[in-house]
């Protein structure tokens, strides 16, 4: 990346594009996990949730079994 300073609008647009790329990657990973039957793991407000392949959300860790 160039060392020249980007104008604010370009910086915002660059950050927005990076976020779009990241969001697409996360959705693809979630879909792949569902397809493979692997739970997705989320954290909200410091609480860990597991999305089971059935779509059910639980706080019980399915990896402990």
N, C-alpha and C. Protein backbone atom coordinates (compact mmCIF):
# COMPACT_ATOMS: atom_id res chain seq x y z
N UNK A 1 0.85 -1.18 0.00
CA UNK A 1 0.00 0.00 0.00
C UNK A 1 0.88 1.24 0.00
N UNK A 2 0.46 2.23 -0.69
CA UNK A 2 1.20 3.48 -0.82
C UNK A 2 1.27 4.19 0.52
N UNK A 3 2.35 4.93 0.72
CA UNK A 3 2.52 5.67 1.96
C UNK A 3 1.84 7.03 1.90
N UNK A 4 1.28 7.38 0.74
CA UNK A 4 0.62 8.69 0.66
C UNK A 4 -0.64 8.67 1.53
N UNK A 5 -0.98 9.82 2.05
CA UNK A 5 -2.14 9.94 2.94
C UNK A 5 -3.42 9.91 2.11
N UNK A 6 -4.35 9.05 2.50
CA UNK A 6 -5.63 8.96 1.80
C UNK A 6 -6.60 10.02 2.30
N UNK A 7 -7.35 10.63 1.42
CA UNK A 7 -8.40 11.54 1.87
C UNK A 7 -9.43 10.78 2.71
N UNK A 8 -10.15 11.47 3.52
CA UNK A 8 -11.11 10.84 4.43
C UNK A 8 -12.13 9.97 3.70
N UNK A 9 -12.68 10.43 2.58
CA UNK A 9 -13.68 9.64 1.86
C UNK A 9 -13.07 8.34 1.36
N UNK A 10 -11.87 8.40 0.83
CA UNK A 10 -11.21 7.18 0.36
C UNK A 10 -10.93 6.22 1.51
N UNK A 11 -10.57 6.77 2.65
CA UNK A 11 -10.32 5.94 3.83
C UNK A 11 -11.61 5.24 4.24
N UNK A 12 -12.71 5.97 4.28
CA UNK A 12 -14.01 5.39 4.63
C UNK A 12 -14.40 4.31 3.63
N UNK A 13 -14.24 4.59 2.35
CA UNK A 13 -14.60 3.62 1.32
C UNK A 13 -13.74 2.36 1.43
N UNK A 14 -12.47 2.52 1.71
CA UNK A 14 -11.57 1.39 1.87
C UNK A 14 -11.99 0.55 3.07
N UNK A 15 -12.30 1.20 4.19
CA UNK A 15 -12.75 0.49 5.39
C UNK A 15 -14.06 -0.24 5.14
N UNK A 16 -14.97 0.39 4.42
CA UNK A 16 -16.26 -0.23 4.11
C UNK A 16 -16.07 -1.47 3.22
N UNK A 17 -15.16 -1.38 2.27
CA UNK A 17 -14.88 -2.53 1.39
C UNK A 17 -14.26 -3.68 2.18
N UNK A 18 -13.34 -3.37 3.09
CA UNK A 18 -12.76 -4.41 3.94
C UNK A 18 -13.83 -5.08 4.79
N UNK A 19 -14.78 -4.30 5.31
CA UNK A 19 -15.85 -4.87 6.12
C UNK A 19 -16.74 -5.77 5.27
N UNK A 20 -17.06 -5.35 4.04
CA UNK A 20 -17.87 -6.19 3.14
C UNK A 20 -17.17 -7.51 2.85
N UNK A 21 -15.87 -7.46 2.60
CA UNK A 21 -15.11 -8.68 2.34
C UNK A 21 -15.13 -9.59 3.56
N UNK A 22 -14.91 -9.01 4.73
CA UNK A 22 -14.93 -9.79 5.97
C UNK A 22 -16.29 -10.41 6.23
N UNK A 23 -17.36 -9.64 6.00
CA UNK A 23 -18.71 -10.17 6.22
C UNK A 23 -19.00 -11.34 5.29
N UNK A 24 -18.58 -11.23 4.03
CA UNK A 24 -18.79 -12.32 3.07
C UNK A 24 -18.03 -13.57 3.52
N UNK A 25 -16.81 -13.39 4.00
CA UNK A 25 -16.00 -14.52 4.45
C UNK A 25 -16.64 -15.20 5.66
N UNK A 26 -17.16 -14.41 6.58
CA UNK A 26 -17.82 -14.98 7.77
C UNK A 26 -19.06 -15.76 7.36
N UNK A 27 -19.88 -15.20 6.48
CA UNK A 27 -21.09 -15.92 6.03
C UNK A 27 -20.73 -17.22 5.33
N UNK A 28 -19.69 -17.20 4.52
CA UNK A 28 -19.26 -18.42 3.82
C UNK A 28 -18.79 -19.47 4.83
N UNK A 29 -18.04 -19.05 5.84
CA UNK A 29 -17.56 -19.98 6.87
C UNK A 29 -18.74 -20.55 7.66
N UNK A 30 -19.72 -19.71 7.99
CA UNK A 30 -20.90 -20.20 8.71
C UNK A 30 -21.65 -21.23 7.88
N UNK A 31 -21.85 -20.94 6.61
CA UNK A 31 -22.56 -21.89 5.73
C UNK A 31 -21.80 -23.21 5.63
N UNK A 32 -20.48 -23.13 5.50
CA UNK A 32 -19.69 -24.35 5.41
C UNK A 32 -19.80 -25.17 6.69
N UNK A 33 -19.75 -24.50 7.85
CA UNK A 33 -19.90 -25.20 9.12
C UNK A 33 -21.25 -25.91 9.20
N UNK A 34 -22.30 -25.21 8.78
CA UNK A 34 -23.63 -25.83 8.80
C UNK A 34 -23.67 -27.05 7.88
N UNK A 35 -23.09 -26.90 6.70
CA UNK A 35 -23.08 -28.00 5.74
C UNK A 35 -22.33 -29.21 6.29
N UNK A 36 -21.25 -28.96 7.03
CA UNK A 36 -20.44 -30.03 7.59
C UNK A 36 -20.96 -30.54 8.94
N UNK A 37 -22.00 -29.88 9.47
CA UNK A 37 -22.57 -30.30 10.75
C UNK A 37 -21.77 -29.86 11.95
N UNK A 38 -20.99 -28.79 11.79
CA UNK A 38 -20.17 -28.27 12.88
C UNK A 38 -20.86 -27.05 13.48
N UNK A 39 -20.99 -26.98 14.82
CA UNK A 39 -21.63 -25.82 15.43
C UNK A 39 -20.85 -24.52 15.17
N UNK A 40 -21.59 -23.44 14.96
CA UNK A 40 -21.00 -22.10 14.90
C UNK A 40 -20.98 -21.55 16.31
N UNK A 41 -19.95 -20.79 16.65
CA UNK A 41 -19.81 -20.24 18.01
C UNK A 41 -19.84 -18.72 17.92
N UNK A 42 -20.65 -18.11 18.80
CA UNK A 42 -20.80 -16.66 18.83
C UNK A 42 -20.64 -16.18 20.26
N UNK A 43 -20.26 -14.92 20.42
CA UNK A 43 -20.19 -14.29 21.73
C UNK A 43 -20.95 -12.97 21.64
N UNK A 44 -21.86 -12.78 22.58
CA UNK A 44 -22.62 -11.53 22.64
C UNK A 44 -22.68 -11.09 24.09
N UNK A 45 -22.16 -9.91 24.35
CA UNK A 45 -22.16 -9.40 25.72
C UNK A 45 -21.36 -10.27 26.67
N UNK A 46 -20.32 -10.92 26.14
CA UNK A 46 -19.49 -11.78 26.98
C UNK A 46 -20.06 -13.16 27.22
N UNK A 47 -21.22 -13.47 26.63
CA UNK A 47 -21.85 -14.77 26.76
C UNK A 47 -21.61 -15.56 25.48
N UNK A 48 -21.17 -16.81 25.62
CA UNK A 48 -20.88 -17.66 24.46
C UNK A 48 -22.12 -18.46 24.09
N UNK A 49 -22.47 -18.42 22.81
CA UNK A 49 -23.61 -19.17 22.28
C UNK A 49 -23.11 -20.12 21.19
N UNK A 50 -23.75 -21.26 21.10
CA UNK A 50 -23.44 -22.24 20.07
C UNK A 50 -24.67 -22.41 19.20
N UNK A 51 -24.48 -22.28 17.90
CA UNK A 51 -25.56 -22.54 16.95
C UNK A 51 -25.34 -23.96 16.44
N UNK A 52 -26.24 -24.86 16.81
CA UNK A 52 -26.13 -26.25 16.41
C UNK A 52 -26.53 -26.40 14.94
N UNK A 53 -26.14 -27.49 14.31
CA UNK A 53 -26.50 -27.69 12.90
C UNK A 53 -28.01 -27.62 12.63
N UNK A 54 -28.82 -27.91 13.66
CA UNK A 54 -30.28 -27.83 13.52
C UNK A 54 -30.78 -26.39 13.50
N UNK A 55 -29.89 -25.43 13.85
CA UNK A 55 -30.28 -24.03 13.93
C UNK A 55 -30.56 -23.59 15.35
N UNK A 56 -30.62 -24.55 16.27
CA UNK A 56 -30.89 -24.25 17.68
C UNK A 56 -29.70 -23.51 18.29
N UNK A 57 -30.00 -22.48 19.10
CA UNK A 57 -28.97 -21.76 19.84
C UNK A 57 -28.95 -22.28 21.27
N UNK A 58 -27.76 -22.51 21.80
CA UNK A 58 -27.62 -23.01 23.16
C UNK A 58 -26.36 -22.44 23.79
N UNK A 59 -26.33 -22.42 25.12
CA UNK A 59 -25.12 -22.02 25.81
C UNK A 59 -24.34 -23.26 26.26
N UNK A 60 -24.91 -24.44 26.07
CA UNK A 60 -24.22 -25.69 26.41
C UNK A 60 -23.18 -26.01 25.35
N UNK A 61 -21.96 -26.22 25.77
CA UNK A 61 -20.84 -26.46 24.86
C UNK A 61 -20.92 -27.87 24.26
N UNK A 62 -21.24 -27.99 22.97
CA UNK A 62 -21.34 -29.31 22.35
C UNK A 62 -19.98 -29.95 22.11
N UNK A 63 -18.90 -29.20 22.28
CA UNK A 63 -17.55 -29.73 22.05
C UNK A 63 -17.03 -30.48 23.27
N UNK A 64 -17.68 -30.31 24.43
CA UNK A 64 -17.22 -30.98 25.66
C UNK A 64 -17.49 -32.48 25.60
N UNK A 65 -18.44 -32.91 24.83
CA UNK A 65 -18.81 -34.33 24.79
C UNK A 65 -17.84 -35.16 24.04
